[in-house]
Amino acid sequence: MLADSRRAGGNITAHDDLASCLTAITIQLPLFDRKSLVSLLINATMPRLRTEASKRSFEIGKLLTAEIQAYQTKQANWLAADYTLRFALKPSELPDGRRGLRISTHGSCYYDPRANSISAEFPWSIVSDWRTPGGEGRMARVFPIEDSSILFPPLFDSPWVRPESIELL
């Protein structure tokens, strides 16, 4: 593969592990406004989150955390971004002892910082979780990959996750 790359005038850098590879592709990221990207992601994901929450008579509360990992793409003005957004749910406590109810969405998109726009926004999962006196609970929904424009879809290598929409109770 290295010889083929050299013949074609390309360059391949080998990495011993995924962490060093991710560090290498994020080291030269252009500056971008994380708050703007978070705002775009909230606007894109909120309709689906509201639908999921309302199925169980909840409302979306305040944003608790926004985690974004951005990667350079071969298009100079586009970044690939993985995200996790966590929101409080209302009510935050239920009569059965569940409390600290939250809903999270994890997904990916492409982000153009110059135009302040996202495309190919794709949710991988929505997870609701809570605490009880006896421990923690979680319910998850995983979404299929239907958009062929997603160049690097999530890997479904877990025995309980398949590339079709499922709900875990």
Protein backbone atom coordinates (compact mmCIF):
# COMPACT_ATOMS: atom_id res chain seq x y z
CA MET A 1 0.00 0.00 0.00
CA LEU A 2 2.85 2.38 0.81
CA ALA A 3 4.52 1.70 -2.56
CA ASP A 4 1.20 2.30 -4.37
CA SER A 5 0.78 5.57 -2.52
CA ARG A 6 4.27 6.76 -3.46
CA ARG A 7 3.71 5.85 -7.13
CA ALA A 8 0.51 7.90 -7.10
CA GLY A 9 2.27 10.84 -5.45
CA GLY A 10 0.43 10.42 -2.16
CA ASN A 11 1.58 10.26 1.41
CA ILE A 12 0.52 7.77 4.07
CA THR A 13 1.21 8.22 7.74
CA ALA A 14 1.00 5.09 9.88
CA HIS A 15 -0.35 5.18 13.43
CA ASP A 16 -0.01 2.51 16.09
CA ASP A 17 -3.40 3.21 17.59
CA LEU A 18 -6.62 5.13 17.03
CA ALA A 19 -5.78 7.78 19.65
CA SER A 20 -2.61 8.90 17.84
CA CYS A 21 -4.48 8.96 14.51
CA LEU A 22 -7.27 11.14 15.94
CA THR A 23 -4.69 13.47 17.49
CA ALA A 24 -2.95 13.83 14.13
CA ILE A 25 -6.12 14.72 12.24
CA THR A 26 -7.30 17.22 14.85
CA ILE A 27 -4.01 19.02 15.43
CA GLN A 28 -4.36 21.43 12.49
CA LEU A 29 -8.05 22.20 12.71
CA PRO A 30 -9.00 25.71 11.69
CA LEU A 31 -10.46 27.89 14.40
CA PHE A 32 -14.22 27.72 14.56
CA ASP A 33 -16.95 29.03 16.80
CA ARG A 34 -18.04 26.12 19.00
CA LYS A 35 -21.05 28.07 20.33
CA SER A 36 -22.34 28.57 16.78
CA LEU A 37 -21.92 24.89 15.99
CA VAL A 38 -23.71 23.90 19.20
CA SER A 39 -26.56 26.25 18.32
CA LEU A 40 -26.87 24.72 14.84
CA LEU A 41 -26.85 21.21 16.32
CA ILE A 42 -29.50 22.09 18.88
CA ASN A 43 -31.75 23.48 16.14
CA ALA A 44 -31.20 20.37 13.99
CA THR A 45 -31.73 17.80 16.75
CA MET A 46 -34.47 19.43 18.84
CA PRO A 47 -37.49 18.27 16.79
CA ARG A 48 -36.49 14.62 17.16
CA LEU A 49 -35.61 15.03 20.85
CA ARG A 50 -38.95 16.72 21.56
CA THR A 51 -40.78 13.88 19.81
CA GLU A 52 -38.92 11.23 21.83
CA ALA A 53 -39.49 13.09 25.11
CA SER A 54 -43.18 13.74 24.45
CA LYS A 55 -43.81 10.02 23.86
CA ARG A 56 -43.23 9.62 27.59
CA SER A 57 -44.84 12.93 28.68
CA PHE A 58 -41.59 14.82 29.21
CA GLU A 59 -40.35 18.17 28.01
CA ILE A 60 -36.80 19.10 27.08
CA GLY A 61 -35.14 21.27 29.71
CA LYS A 62 -31.86 23.16 29.68
CA LEU A 63 -28.73 22.07 27.86
CA LEU A 64 -26.44 20.33 30.37
CA THR A 65 -23.40 19.54 28.21
CA ALA A 66 -22.29 19.75 24.61
CA GLU A 67 -19.33 17.63 23.57
CA ILE A 68 -17.92 18.15 20.09
CA GLN A 69 -14.99 16.47 18.41
CA ALA A 70 -14.10 18.01 15.04
CA TYR A 71 -11.90 16.60 12.30
CA GLN A 72 -10.41 18.13 9.18
CA THR A 73 -11.80 16.84 5.88
CA LYS A 74 -10.16 17.02 2.48
CA GLN A 75 -12.45 19.98 1.66
CA ALA A 76 -10.66 22.98 3.16
CA ASN A 77 -13.77 24.75 4.45
CA TRP A 78 -15.57 21.70 5.88
CA LEU A 79 -15.05 19.93 9.19
CA ALA A 80 -16.49 16.57 10.16
CA ALA A 81 -17.92 16.69 13.67
CA ASP A 82 -19.10 14.09 16.15
CA TYR A 83 -21.33 15.45 18.89
CA THR A 84 -23.13 14.55 22.08
CA LEU A 85 -25.75 16.94 23.44
CA ARG A 86 -27.25 16.32 26.90
CA PHE A 87 -30.42 18.01 28.15
CA ALA A 88 -32.34 17.86 31.40
CA LEU A 89 -35.86 16.45 31.15
CA LYS A 90 -38.89 18.00 32.85
CA PRO A 91 -40.14 16.86 35.24
CA SER A 92 -36.74 16.03 36.70
CA GLU A 93 -38.19 13.76 39.36
CA LEU A 94 -40.98 11.17 39.24
CA PRO A 95 -43.19 9.71 42.01
CA ASP A 96 -41.60 6.26 41.51
CA GLY A 97 -38.23 7.60 42.74
CA ARG A 98 -36.56 8.27 39.40
CA ARG A 99 -34.69 11.56 39.44
CA GLY A 100 -32.04 13.41 37.44
CA LEU A 101 -33.76 12.51 34.19
CA ARG A 102 -31.75 13.43 31.10
CA ILE A 103 -31.87 12.89 27.37
CA SER A 104 -28.79 12.77 25.14
CA THR A 105 -28.28 12.59 21.42
CA HIS A 106 -25.09 11.46 19.77
CA GLY A 107 -24.38 11.87 16.09
CA SER A 108 -22.26 13.37 13.35
CA CYS A 109 -22.40 16.08 10.71
CA TYR A 110 -20.30 18.21 8.40
CA TYR A 111 -19.76 21.82 9.44
CA ASP A 112 -18.80 24.79 7.29
CA PRO A 113 -17.46 27.46 9.68
CA ARG A 114 -17.35 30.13 6.94
CA ALA A 115 -21.03 29.76 6.08
CA ASN A 116 -21.95 28.75 9.65
CA SER A 117 -23.95 25.79 8.35
CA ILE A 118 -24.16 22.06 8.86
CA SER A 119 -25.05 19.31 6.44
CA ALA A 120 -25.57 15.56 6.61
CA GLU A 121 -26.59 15.90 10.27
CA PHE A 122 -27.12 12.33 11.36
CA PRO A 123 -28.21 11.16 14.82
CA TRP A 124 -26.72 7.83 15.82
CA SER A 125 -28.67 7.45 19.04
CA ILE A 126 -30.92 9.05 21.61
CA VAL A 127 -30.45 7.93 25.20
CA SER A 128 -32.62 8.71 28.22
CA ASP A 129 -31.14 8.02 31.63
CA TRP A 130 -32.02 8.55 35.28
CA ARG A 131 -31.06 7.65 38.83
CA THR A 132 -33.11 5.68 41.34
CA PRO A 133 -32.44 4.85 44.99
CA GLY A 134 -31.31 1.42 43.76
CA GLY A 135 -29.03 2.54 40.90
CA GLU A 136 -29.33 3.91 37.40
CA GLY A 137 -31.61 3.27 34.45
CA ARG A 138 -31.26 3.85 30.75
CA MET A 139 -33.34 3.56 27.61
CA ALA A 140 -31.77 3.96 24.16
CA ARG A 141 -32.87 4.27 20.57
CA VAL A 142 -30.38 3.65 17.76
CA PHE A 143 -31.05 4.94 14.25
CA PRO A 144 -30.26 3.31 10.91
CA ILE A 145 -27.78 4.77 8.47
CA GLU A 146 -29.91 5.86 5.55
CA ASP A 147 -27.85 8.74 4.18
CA SER A 148 -25.24 7.59 1.66
CA SER A 149 -23.51 10.99 1.88
CA ILE A 150 -22.17 10.05 5.33
CA LEU A 151 -18.62 9.02 4.55
CA PHE A 152 -17.77 7.58 7.96
CA PRO A 153 -20.91 6.13 9.54
CA PRO A 154 -20.75 4.75 13.08
CA LEU A 155 -19.61 1.18 13.50
CA PHE A 156 -22.27 -1.24 14.68
CA ASP A 157 -20.05 -3.87 16.25
CA SER A 158 -21.92 -4.35 19.49
CA PRO A 159 -23.96 -7.56 19.66
CA TRP A 160 -27.13 -5.63 20.60
CA VAL A 161 -26.83 -2.89 18.00
CA ARG A 162 -27.87 -3.53 14.42
CA PRO A 163 -28.21 -1.01 11.61
CA GLU A 164 -31.96 -0.76 12.03
CA SER A 165 -33.99 1.31 14.42
CA ILE A 166 -34.44 -0.46 17.76
CA GLU A 167 -35.57 0.51 21.18
CA LEU A 168 -34.13 -1.00 24.32
CA LEU A 169 -36.35 -1.13 27.37
